[in-house]
Amino acid sequence: MITVAISYLPAMDISPDIKYCLYARKSSESDERQAMSIDSQIKEMGDLAKKENLIISEVRQESHSAKESGQRPVFVQLLNDIRNGMFTGILTWAPDRLSRNAGDLGMLVDLMDQEKLFRIRTFSQIFSNNPNEKFLLMILCSQAKLENDNRGINVKRGIRAKCEMGWRPGAPPLGYYNRSFAGVKDIVVDPDRKDVVAEMFNRVAKKGDSGRKIKLWFDQIGFTTRAGKSVTLSMVYMMLNNPFYYGSFEYPIKSGNWYQGKHQPLISKELYNQVQQQLITCPKSKWGAKEITFKGLFKCGNCRGNMVGEDRLRKRKIGPARQHIYYHCARQLGKCREPYISEEKLIDEIIKYIGFMETVHPGHLKMMDSVNKTFEEYKRVKEEVLYQRNINPKTVEFTLKEYAKYTFRYGKKEDKQELVKMLGKMLYIRDRTLSASAEPYSWSFQGKKLRGNV
């Protein structure tokens, strides 16, 4: 049996020569809204440092969730500075301010094992490089992770119950709004927008109007979102493809879990099906005429030749064949063993690379005017969605990685190409993995194996 002495009473720190970094964090997510504010954390720990004559070399703070490993830029930089010897101790309000996941906790303990992190000081406890105190630190941080995991299970159970009752979670589409009355929340028809939304479906089904014609009509009649913003083209198509308007909804999206809503339908299912049929009756492009988005933007990591795109027909056991785009080495320099990579896989690699660069080397990413313009448009759309969910956009961090996900899903071909060109260097594809070098070099970033040489 392992016996660990646990004390929650304030302890005196007798090592004043340790260079502390005061780290304060508060998540903007709803599960931590009751946590002590950043200013309060800094004040309390500052008073403690004065009382015990602790040396605070620097104060760092951030508003970010600690559920996932390696997602907090300030914390990642703090760990790097400890490795470089800038700090030898961390001063923070409680262990859960440092970590609520196994990845970040493992790096903290590893720094202690390497004798680069001598002390973690919280308001009521001291954690040094000895087995008992490190074990206690792991228990407390694991307890915070357990609370997160249990909370997530409870939230999902509540969401399923709400869906089974016929009420879709989250903000409803245009034409509806959430109502809370006498403690009961439901979804009601927006009287100012319902007729316009119904007319939109009729125009597409009966007159054959395209999405661009619908957007032009919206602009002409002054139809806006609940936040007073103009409706974008992507929002038009999202509305036309939303079965919520005839009474059904899928939650989560692409999960295959369908529910019959209790809200009032604005259109019939027959009209919705006519619209879907109209949207897919556009003439098919000729074989090989599909746009190759990333043509000429990457090199082969094995032979350094050009990577070319190819439109291929993929057969399925059930249903008609589907067309997919694959990228492969042009083999201009002879035989090359570099395997094919699908466009979906390549997009995932680009997003991972952007996320890594944004976190570890933010100064290397310099947005061009065209990218900055579309990024601002993305922020405007996201702010509108956040307002609909009663979330203050100022508490949410708008990252380039999230913008990249949005662009690769909804953006134009030119926007996707500009986003890749923004990285400022030729990137290589080696073993279906994106790299900044043609040399076989692997690196590990926060527990996720990626490849690259930056």
Protein backbone atom coordinates (compact mmCIF):
# COMPACT_ATOMS: atom_id res chain seq x y z
CA MET A 1 0.00 0.00 0.00
CA ILE A 2 1.24 3.50 -0.91
CA THR A 3 0.66 6.10 1.78
CA VAL A 4 0.63 9.75 0.74
CA ALA A 5 0.46 12.56 3.26
CA ILE A 6 -2.12 15.09 2.03
CA SER A 7 -2.36 18.48 3.68
CA TYR A 8 -4.56 21.32 2.52
CA LEU A 9 -3.24 23.83 5.06
CA PRO A 10 -1.01 26.68 3.79
CA ALA A 11 2.66 25.73 3.90
CA MET A 12 5.71 27.98 4.05
CA ASP A 13 8.05 27.98 1.08
CA ILE A 14 11.62 28.02 2.39
CA SER A 15 13.33 28.38 -1.00
CA PRO A 16 13.24 32.11 -1.80
CA ASP A 17 15.97 31.76 -4.49
CA ILE A 18 13.54 30.05 -6.90
CA LYS A 19 12.55 32.27 -9.85
CA TYR A 20 8.77 32.01 -10.05
CA CYS A 21 6.43 32.78 -12.91
CA LEU A 22 2.96 33.70 -11.66
CA TYR A 23 0.51 31.98 -14.01
CA ALA A 24 -3.20 32.86 -13.89
CA ARG A 25 -5.85 31.28 -16.10
CA LYS A 26 -9.60 31.38 -16.45
CA SER A 27 -11.58 29.53 -19.06
CA SER A 28 -14.27 31.34 -21.04
CA GLU A 29 -16.32 28.15 -21.18
CA SER A 30 -19.47 27.81 -19.11
CA ASP A 31 -18.06 25.02 -16.93
CA GLU A 32 -15.55 27.42 -15.33
CA ARG A 33 -17.60 30.61 -15.04
CA GLN A 34 -17.61 30.26 -11.25
CA ALA A 35 -13.80 30.04 -11.05
CA MET A 36 -11.89 32.91 -9.47
CA SER A 37 -11.16 35.74 -11.90
CA ILE A 38 -7.67 36.30 -13.28
CA ASP A 39 -7.25 39.58 -11.37
CA SER A 40 -8.24 37.89 -8.12
CA GLN A 41 -5.78 35.05 -8.73
CA ILE A 42 -2.95 37.50 -9.39
CA LYS A 43 -3.79 39.56 -6.28
CA GLU A 44 -4.03 36.55 -3.94
CA MET A 45 -0.82 34.94 -5.16
CA GLY A 46 0.97 38.29 -5.21
CA ASP A 47 0.07 38.82 -1.56
CA LEU A 48 1.28 35.30 -0.78
CA ALA A 49 4.59 35.98 -2.53
CA LYS A 50 5.14 39.17 -0.49
CA LYS A 51 4.32 37.35 2.74
CA GLU A 52 6.76 34.52 2.04
CA ASN A 53 9.41 36.60 0.19
CA LEU A 54 9.05 34.68 -3.06
CA ILE A 55 10.70 36.03 -6.20
CA ILE A 56 8.16 36.60 -9.00
CA SER A 57 10.15 37.15 -12.21
CA GLU A 58 7.09 37.58 -14.44
CA VAL A 59 3.31 37.44 -14.41
CA ARG A 60 1.52 35.66 -17.27
CA GLN A 61 -2.19 35.20 -17.83
CA GLU A 62 -4.59 33.84 -20.43
CA SER A 63 -8.25 33.03 -20.92
CA HIS A 64 -8.31 29.55 -22.38
CA SER A 65 -9.67 26.11 -21.64
CA ALA A 66 -7.23 23.51 -20.29
CA LYS A 67 -9.23 20.47 -21.41
CA GLU A 68 -7.00 19.70 -24.40
CA SER A 69 -3.23 19.34 -24.40
CA GLY A 70 -1.04 21.94 -26.11
CA GLN A 71 -3.84 24.38 -26.94
CA ARG A 72 -2.81 27.26 -24.63
CA PRO A 73 -0.15 29.49 -26.24
CA VAL A 74 0.87 31.23 -23.00
CA PHE A 75 1.22 27.95 -21.12
CA VAL A 76 3.18 26.34 -23.97
CA GLN A 77 5.58 29.30 -23.97
CA LEU A 78 5.91 29.04 -20.17
CA LEU A 79 7.01 25.40 -20.46
CA ASN A 80 9.56 26.33 -23.14
CA ASP A 81 10.95 29.11 -20.92
CA ILE A 82 11.31 26.66 -18.01
CA ARG A 83 13.24 24.29 -20.28
CA ASN A 84 15.53 27.20 -21.20
CA GLY A 85 16.12 28.08 -17.55
CA MET A 86 14.21 31.38 -17.46
CA PHE A 87 12.03 30.16 -14.55
CA THR A 88 12.51 27.42 -11.98
CA GLY A 89 9.12 27.61 -10.29
CA ILE A 90 5.43 28.23 -11.02
CA LEU A 91 3.13 30.21 -8.75
CA THR A 92 -0.57 29.60 -9.40
CA TRP A 93 -3.86 29.58 -7.53
CA ALA A 94 -4.62 25.85 -7.77
CA PRO A 95 -3.32 22.77 -9.65
CA ASP A 96 -6.31 22.80 -12.03
CA ARG A 97 -5.19 26.23 -13.31
CA LEU A 98 -2.17 24.44 -14.80
CA SER A 99 -3.72 21.27 -16.17
CA ARG A 100 -7.02 19.50 -16.71
CA ASN A 101 -5.56 16.92 -19.10
CA ALA A 102 -2.94 14.17 -18.99
CA GLY A 103 -0.66 15.68 -21.67
CA ASP A 104 0.10 18.99 -19.92
CA LEU A 105 0.36 17.23 -16.55
CA GLY A 106 2.91 14.80 -17.97
CA MET A 107 5.08 17.67 -19.24
CA LEU A 108 5.04 19.37 -15.83
CA VAL A 109 6.12 16.18 -14.04
CA ASP A 110 8.73 15.54 -16.74
CA LEU A 111 10.26 18.99 -16.14
CA MET A 112 10.44 18.16 -12.44
CA ASP A 113 12.18 14.85 -13.22
CA GLN A 114 14.70 16.75 -15.36
CA GLU A 115 15.32 19.10 -12.39
CA LYS A 116 14.35 22.14 -14.45
CA LEU A 117 11.16 22.83 -12.50
CA PHE A 118 11.96 22.90 -8.78
CA ARG A 119 8.69 24.03 -7.28
CA ILE A 120 4.99 24.48 -8.04
CA ARG A 121 3.41 26.72 -5.40
CA THR A 122 -0.35 27.05 -5.03
CA PHE A 123 -2.34 28.97 -2.44
CA SER A 124 -2.52 26.02 -0.06
CA GLN A 125 0.17 23.58 -1.17
CA ILE A 126 3.76 23.15 -2.32
CA PHE A 127 4.80 20.54 -4.90
CA SER A 128 8.51 19.74 -5.14
CA ASN A 129 10.57 17.13 -6.94
CA ASN A 130 9.89 14.23 -4.60
CA PRO A 131 7.74 11.14 -5.19
CA ASN A 132 4.96 11.94 -2.69
CA GLU A 133 4.39 15.53 -3.79
CA LYS A 134 4.54 14.69 -7.49
CA PHE A 135 2.07 11.86 -6.90
CA LEU A 136 -0.26 14.25 -5.07
CA LEU A 137 0.00 16.76 -7.92
CA MET A 138 -0.96 14.04 -10.40
CA ILE A 139 -3.93 13.02 -8.24
CA LEU A 140 -5.29 16.58 -8.00
CA CYS A 141 -4.89 17.29 -11.71
CA SER A 142 -6.39 13.89 -12.58
CA GLN A 143 -9.33 14.73 -10.35
CA ALA A 144 -9.87 17.91 -12.37
CA LYS A 145 -9.79 15.82 -15.57
CA LEU A 146 -12.29 13.37 -14.05
CA GLU A 147 -14.65 16.27 -13.26
CA ASN A 148 -14.39 17.47 -16.87
CA ASP A 149 -15.06 13.99 -18.26
CA ASN A 150 -18.07 13.42 -16.00
CA ARG A 151 -19.41 16.86 -16.80
CA GLY A 152 -19.14 16.10 -20.51
CA ILE A 153 -21.07 12.83 -20.06
CA ASN A 154 -23.82 14.63 -18.14
CA VAL A 155 -24.06 17.37 -20.75
CA LYS A 156 -24.36 14.83 -23.58
CA ARG A 157 -27.06 12.96 -21.68
CA GLY A 158 -29.00 16.19 -21.19
CA ILE A 159 -28.65 17.07 -24.88
CA ARG A 160 -29.95 13.65 -25.94
CA ALA A 161 -32.94 14.04 -23.62
CA LYS A 162 -33.69 17.46 -25.10
CA CYS A 163 -33.47 16.09 -28.65
CA GLU A 164 -35.79 13.20 -27.81
CA MET A 165 -38.28 15.76 -26.49
CA GLY A 166 -38.21 17.42 -29.93
CA TRP A 167 -36.11 20.53 -29.18
CA ARG A 168 -32.88 21.04 -31.07
CA PRO A 169 -30.00 22.36 -28.88
CA GLY A 170 -28.26 25.59 -29.84
CA ALA A 171 -29.38 28.56 -31.86
CA PRO A 172 -32.14 27.81 -34.42
CA PRO A 173 -31.82 28.92 -38.06
CA LEU A 174 -33.22 32.15 -39.45
CA GLY A 175 -37.00 32.14 -39.25
CA TYR A 176 -37.00 30.93 -35.64
CA TYR A 177 -35.71 32.05 -32.26
CA ASN A 178 -35.32 30.53 -28.83
CA ARG A 179 -37.88 31.55 -26.21
CA SER A 180 -37.69 31.15 -22.46
CA PHE A 181 -40.97 31.59 -20.64
CA ALA A 182 -41.81 30.60 -17.06
CA GLY A 183 -38.73 28.42 -16.87
CA VAL A 184 -39.60 26.54 -20.07
CA LYS A 185 -37.37 26.90 -23.16
CA ASP A 186 -38.72 26.22 -26.63
CA ILE A 187 -38.32 27.31 -30.27
CA VAL A 188 -40.91 29.60 -31.84
CA VAL A 189 -41.43 31.08 -35.29
CA ASP A 190 -39.93 34.50 -35.97
CA PRO A 191 -42.90 36.52 -37.29
CA ASP A 192 -40.61 39.04 -39.03
CA ARG A 193 -38.74 36.46 -41.10
CA LYS A 194 -40.92 33.36 -41.53
CA ASP A 195 -42.64 34.55 -44.72
CA VAL A 196 -39.35 35.48 -46.39
CA VAL A 197 -37.81 32.10 -45.55
CA ALA A 198 -40.86 30.25 -46.93
CA GLU A 199 -40.76 32.38 -50.08
CA MET A 200 -37.05 31.53 -50.51
CA PHE A 201 -37.87 27.82 -50.76
CA ASN A 202 -40.73 28.51 -53.19
CA ARG A 203 -38.50 30.62 -55.45
CA VAL A 204 -35.91 27.84 -55.70
CA ALA A 205 -38.44 25.02 -56.20
CA LYS A 206 -40.89 26.78 -58.54
CA LYS A 207 -38.76 29.38 -60.36
CA GLY A 208 -35.39 27.60 -60.26
CA ASP A 209 -33.62 30.52 -58.56
CA SER A 210 -29.99 29.88 -57.64
CA GLY A 211 -28.38 30.69 -54.33
CA ARG A 212 -26.85 33.87 -55.76
CA LYS A 213 -30.27 35.06 -56.96
CA ILE A 214 -31.68 34.44 -53.49
CA LYS A 215 -28.87 36.43 -51.90
CA LEU A 216 -29.44 39.29 -54.34
CA TRP A 217 -33.15 39.23 -53.48
CA PHE A 218 -32.33 39.27 -49.75
CA ASP A 219 -30.13 42.32 -50.26
CA GLN A 220 -32.82 44.09 -52.27
CA ILE A 221 -35.53 43.63 -49.64
CA GLY A 222 -33.17 44.30 -46.73
CA PHE A 223 -33.46 40.82 -45.22
CA THR A 224 -30.89 40.45 -42.43
CA THR A 225 -29.95 38.15 -39.59
CA ARG A 226 -31.19 38.71 -36.05
CA ALA A 227 -27.98 40.64 -35.40
CA GLY A 228 -28.75 43.01 -38.29
CA LYS A 229 -26.05 41.59 -40.59
CA SER A 230 -26.54 40.78 -44.26
CA VAL A 231 -27.06 37.11 -45.17
CA THR A 232 -24.03 35.63 -46.91
CA LEU A 233 -24.14 33.21 -49.84
CA SER A 234 -22.91 30.31 -47.69
CA MET A 235 -25.70 31.01 -45.20
CA VAL A 236 -28.25 30.87 -48.04
CA TYR A 237 -27.16 27.37 -49.04
CA MET A 238 -27.03 26.25 -45.41
CA MET A 239 -30.66 27.36 -45.04
CA LEU A 240 -31.75 25.63 -48.26
CA ASN A 241 -30.17 22.37 -47.09
CA ASN A 242 -31.54 22.54 -43.55
CA PRO A 243 -34.34 19.98 -42.89
CA PHE A 244 -35.22 21.88 -39.71
CA TYR A 245 -37.62 24.00 -41.77
CA TYR A 246 -39.92 21.05 -42.49
CA GLY A 247 -39.80 19.72 -38.92
CA SER A 248 -36.87 17.30 -38.61
CA PHE A 249 -33.30 17.74 -37.44
CA GLU A 250 -30.12 15.70 -37.11
CA TYR A 251 -27.99 16.07 -34.01
CA PRO A 252 -25.05 16.04 -34.00
CA ILE A 253 -24.60 16.82 -37.70
CA LYS A 254 -23.61 13.75 -39.76
CA SER A 255 -24.25 11.46 -36.79
CA GLY A 256 -27.24 9.73 -38.36
CA ASN A 257 -29.37 10.53 -35.29
CA TRP A 258 -32.60 12.11 -36.54
CA TYR A 259 -35.37 13.58 -34.39
CA GLN A 260 -38.86 14.91 -35.05
CA GLY A 261 -39.02 18.47 -33.81
CA LYS A 262 -41.90 20.03 -31.88
CA HIS A 263 -41.38 23.42 -33.52
CA GLN A 264 -43.80 24.68 -36.19
CA PRO A 265 -42.59 23.81 -39.73
CA LEU A 266 -42.33 26.67 -42.23
CA ILE A 267 -42.48 24.44 -45.32
CA SER A 268 -43.63 20.94 -46.26
CA LYS A 269 -41.26 18.02 -46.70
CA GLU A 270 -42.38 17.77 -50.35
CA LEU A 271 -41.27 21.37 -50.99
CA TYR A 272 -37.95 20.71 -49.27
CA ASN A 273 -37.34 17.65 -51.48
CA GLN A 274 -38.13 19.71 -54.59
CA VAL A 275 -35.52 22.26 -53.51
CA GLN A 276 -32.90 19.54 -52.99
CA GLN A 277 -33.64 18.14 -56.42
CA GLN A 278 -33.33 21.61 -57.94
CA LEU A 279 -29.96 22.18 -56.26
CA ILE A 280 -28.43 19.05 -57.82
CA THR A 281 -29.80 19.48 -61.35
CA CYS A 282 -26.91 21.67 -62.45
CA PRO A 283 -25.06 20.18 -65.47
CA LYS A 284 -22.25 17.80 -64.56
CA SER A 285 -18.73 18.84 -65.42
CA LYS A 286 -16.75 16.84 -67.96
CA TRP A 287 -14.42 14.10 -66.77
CA GLY A 288 -11.21 15.68 -65.51
CA ALA A 289 -12.72 19.17 -65.43
CA LYS A 290 -12.98 19.25 -61.65
CA GLU A 291 -10.96 22.04 -60.02
CA ILE A 292 -7.60 20.96 -58.59
CA THR A 293 -7.29 23.41 -55.72
CA PHE A 294 -3.70 22.80 -54.58
CA LYS A 295 -2.09 22.29 -57.97
CA GLY A 296 1.54 23.49 -57.97
CA LEU A 297 1.58 24.40 -54.28
CA PHE A 298 3.45 21.38 -52.89
CA LYS A 299 6.57 19.31 -53.66
CA CYS A 300 7.24 15.62 -53.20
CA GLY A 301 9.18 14.96 -50.00
CA ASN A 302 10.91 11.90 -51.47
CA CYS A 303 12.27 13.12 -54.81
CA ARG A 304 11.47 16.87 -54.55
CA GLY A 305 9.46 16.71 -57.74
CA ASN A 306 6.12 18.41 -58.34
CA MET A 307 2.91 17.14 -56.76
CA VAL A 308 -0.02 16.98 -59.19
CA GLY A 309 -3.73 16.49 -58.62
CA GLU A 310 -5.91 13.89 -60.27
CA ASP A 311 -9.68 13.50 -60.42
CA ARG A 312 -10.50 9.83 -59.95
CA LEU A 313 -13.66 7.74 -59.84
CA ARG A 314 -13.91 5.61 -56.72
CA LYS A 315 -16.29 2.65 -56.83
CA ARG A 316 -18.33 1.62 -53.81
CA LYS A 317 -19.92 -1.68 -52.88
CA ILE A 318 -23.26 0.04 -52.33
CA GLY A 319 -24.45 3.05 -54.29
CA PRO A 320 -23.02 4.91 -57.28
CA ALA A 321 -19.32 5.65 -57.66
CA ARG A 322 -17.95 8.92 -56.32
CA GLN A 323 -15.36 11.29 -57.69
CA HIS A 324 -12.39 12.19 -55.47
CA ILE A 325 -9.25 14.27 -55.91
CA TYR A 326 -5.89 12.69 -55.11
CA TYR A 327 -2.43 14.27 -55.15
CA HIS A 328 0.70 12.33 -56.10
CA CYS A 329 4.24 12.84 -57.30
CA ALA A 330 4.51 13.69 -61.01
CA ARG A 331 7.54 11.32 -61.18
CA GLN A 332 9.40 13.70 -63.47
CA LEU A 333 12.72 12.65 -61.94
CA GLY A 334 12.15 8.91 -62.30
CA LYS A 335 10.47 6.32 -60.12
CA CYS A 336 9.17 7.61 -56.80
CA ARG A 337 7.52 5.62 -54.01
CA GLU A 338 5.57 8.54 -52.53
CA PRO A 339 1.97 7.27 -52.07
CA TYR A 340 -1.20 9.08 -53.12
CA ILE A 341 -2.85 11.45 -50.64
CA SER A 342 -6.51 12.44 -50.81
CA GLU A 343 -7.50 16.10 -50.79
CA GLU A 344 -9.38 15.59 -47.50
CA LYS A 345 -6.24 14.16 -45.86
CA LEU A 346 -4.10 16.96 -47.31
CA ILE A 347 -6.46 19.60 -45.90
CA ASP A 348 -6.18 17.97 -42.46
CA GLU A 349 -2.38 18.15 -42.71
CA ILE A 350 -2.48 21.83 -43.72
CA ILE A 351 -4.73 22.65 -40.76
CA LYS A 352 -2.40 20.80 -38.36
CA TYR A 353 0.59 22.68 -39.77
CA ILE A 354 -1.14 26.05 -39.41
CA GLY A 355 -2.14 25.20 -35.83
CA PHE A 356 1.46 24.27 -34.99
CA MET A 357 2.93 27.41 -36.56
CA GLU A 358 0.32 29.63 -34.91
CA THR A 359 1.16 28.21 -31.47
CA VAL A 360 4.92 27.76 -31.61
CA HIS A 361 6.05 30.23 -34.30
CA PRO A 362 3.28 32.89 -34.49
CA GLY A 363 5.69 35.50 -35.91
CA HIS A 364 6.32 33.39 -39.03
CA LEU A 365 2.72 33.65 -40.21
CA LYS A 366 2.19 36.99 -41.92
CA MET A 367 -1.26 37.30 -43.44
CA MET A 368 -1.49 38.86 -46.87
CA ASP A 369 -4.10 41.53 -47.58
CA SER A 370 -6.40 39.05 -49.35
CA VAL A 371 -6.23 36.57 -46.44
CA ASN A 372 -6.69 39.30 -43.85
CA LYS A 373 -9.81 40.53 -45.65
CA THR A 374 -11.47 37.11 -45.70
CA PHE A 375 -10.32 36.48 -42.11
CA GLU A 376 -12.17 39.62 -40.99
CA GLU A 377 -15.27 38.41 -42.85
CA TYR A 378 -14.99 35.06 -41.03
CA LYS A 379 -14.74 36.87 -37.66
CA ARG A 380 -17.85 38.89 -38.50
CA VAL A 381 -19.86 35.76 -39.32
CA LYS A 382 -18.62 33.94 -36.22
CA GLU A 383 -19.40 36.93 -33.99
CA GLU A 384 -22.93 36.85 -35.35
CA VAL A 385 -23.29 33.18 -34.45
CA LEU A 386 -21.88 33.83 -30.97
CA TYR A 387 -24.36 36.66 -30.41
CA GLN A 388 -27.17 34.28 -31.36
CA ARG A 389 -25.92 31.91 -28.67
CA ASN A 390 -25.72 34.71 -26.08
CA ILE A 391 -21.92 34.47 -25.95
CA ASN A 392 -19.76 37.60 -25.80
CA PRO A 393 -17.33 37.40 -28.79
CA LYS A 394 -14.69 39.23 -26.73
CA THR A 395 -14.29 36.11 -24.59
CA VAL A 396 -13.58 33.90 -27.62
CA GLU A 397 -10.19 33.68 -29.33
CA PHE A 398 -10.36 33.89 -33.14
CA THR A 399 -7.53 31.65 -34.32
CA LEU A 400 -6.10 31.22 -37.79
CA LYS A 401 -6.54 27.46 -37.44
CA GLU A 402 -10.31 27.79 -36.99
CA TYR A 403 -10.44 30.22 -39.91
CA ALA A 404 -8.57 27.67 -42.05
CA LYS A 405 -11.18 25.01 -41.20
CA TYR A 406 -13.93 27.43 -42.23
CA THR A 407 -12.18 28.39 -45.49
CA PHE A 408 -11.45 24.84 -46.61
CA ARG A 409 -15.09 23.93 -46.02
CA TYR A 410 -16.91 26.99 -47.39
CA GLY A 411 -14.31 29.21 -49.07
CA LYS A 412 -13.57 29.78 -52.73
CA LYS A 413 -10.72 28.07 -54.54
CA GLU A 414 -8.74 31.33 -54.60
CA ASP A 415 -9.15 31.78 -50.82
CA LYS A 416 -7.82 28.27 -50.17
CA GLN A 417 -4.82 28.87 -52.41
CA GLU A 418 -4.02 32.22 -50.78
CA LEU A 419 -4.17 30.57 -47.35
CA VAL A 420 -1.51 28.03 -48.38
CA LYS A 421 0.66 30.71 -50.02
CA MET A 422 0.51 32.71 -46.79
CA LEU A 423 2.75 30.09 -45.14
CA GLY A 424 5.59 31.71 -47.06
CA LYS A 425 7.57 28.64 -48.11
CA MET A 426 7.35 25.59 -50.29
CA LEU A 427 5.92 22.68 -48.31
CA TYR A 428 6.61 19.01 -48.96
CA ILE A 429 4.43 15.91 -48.78
CA ARG A 430 6.23 12.86 -47.47
CA ASP A 431 4.44 9.62 -46.50
CA ARG A 432 1.09 11.45 -46.70
CA THR A 433 2.35 13.98 -44.12
CA LEU A 434 2.99 17.69 -44.61
CA SER A 435 6.50 18.94 -43.85
CA ALA A 436 8.47 22.16 -44.24
CA SER A 437 11.51 20.13 -45.32
CA ALA A 438 12.16 17.35 -47.80
CA GLU A 439 14.42 15.66 -45.26
CA PRO A 440 12.86 12.82 -43.22
CA TYR A 441 12.52 14.50 -39.83
CA SER A 442 9.87 13.86 -37.20
CA TRP A 443 8.93 15.94 -34.23
CA SER A 444 6.45 15.55 -31.39
CA PHE A 445 4.15 18.36 -30.40
CA GLN A 446 2.11 18.04 -27.21
CA GLY A 447 1.69 14.30 -27.45
CA LYS A 448 0.61 14.31 -31.13
CA LYS A 449 3.09 12.89 -33.62
CA LEU A 450 3.44 15.21 -36.56
CA ARG A 451 6.15 15.75 -39.13
CA GLY A 452 7.96 18.89 -40.04
CA ASN A 453 11.14 20.89 -39.88
CA VAL A 454 10.46 24.49 -39.02
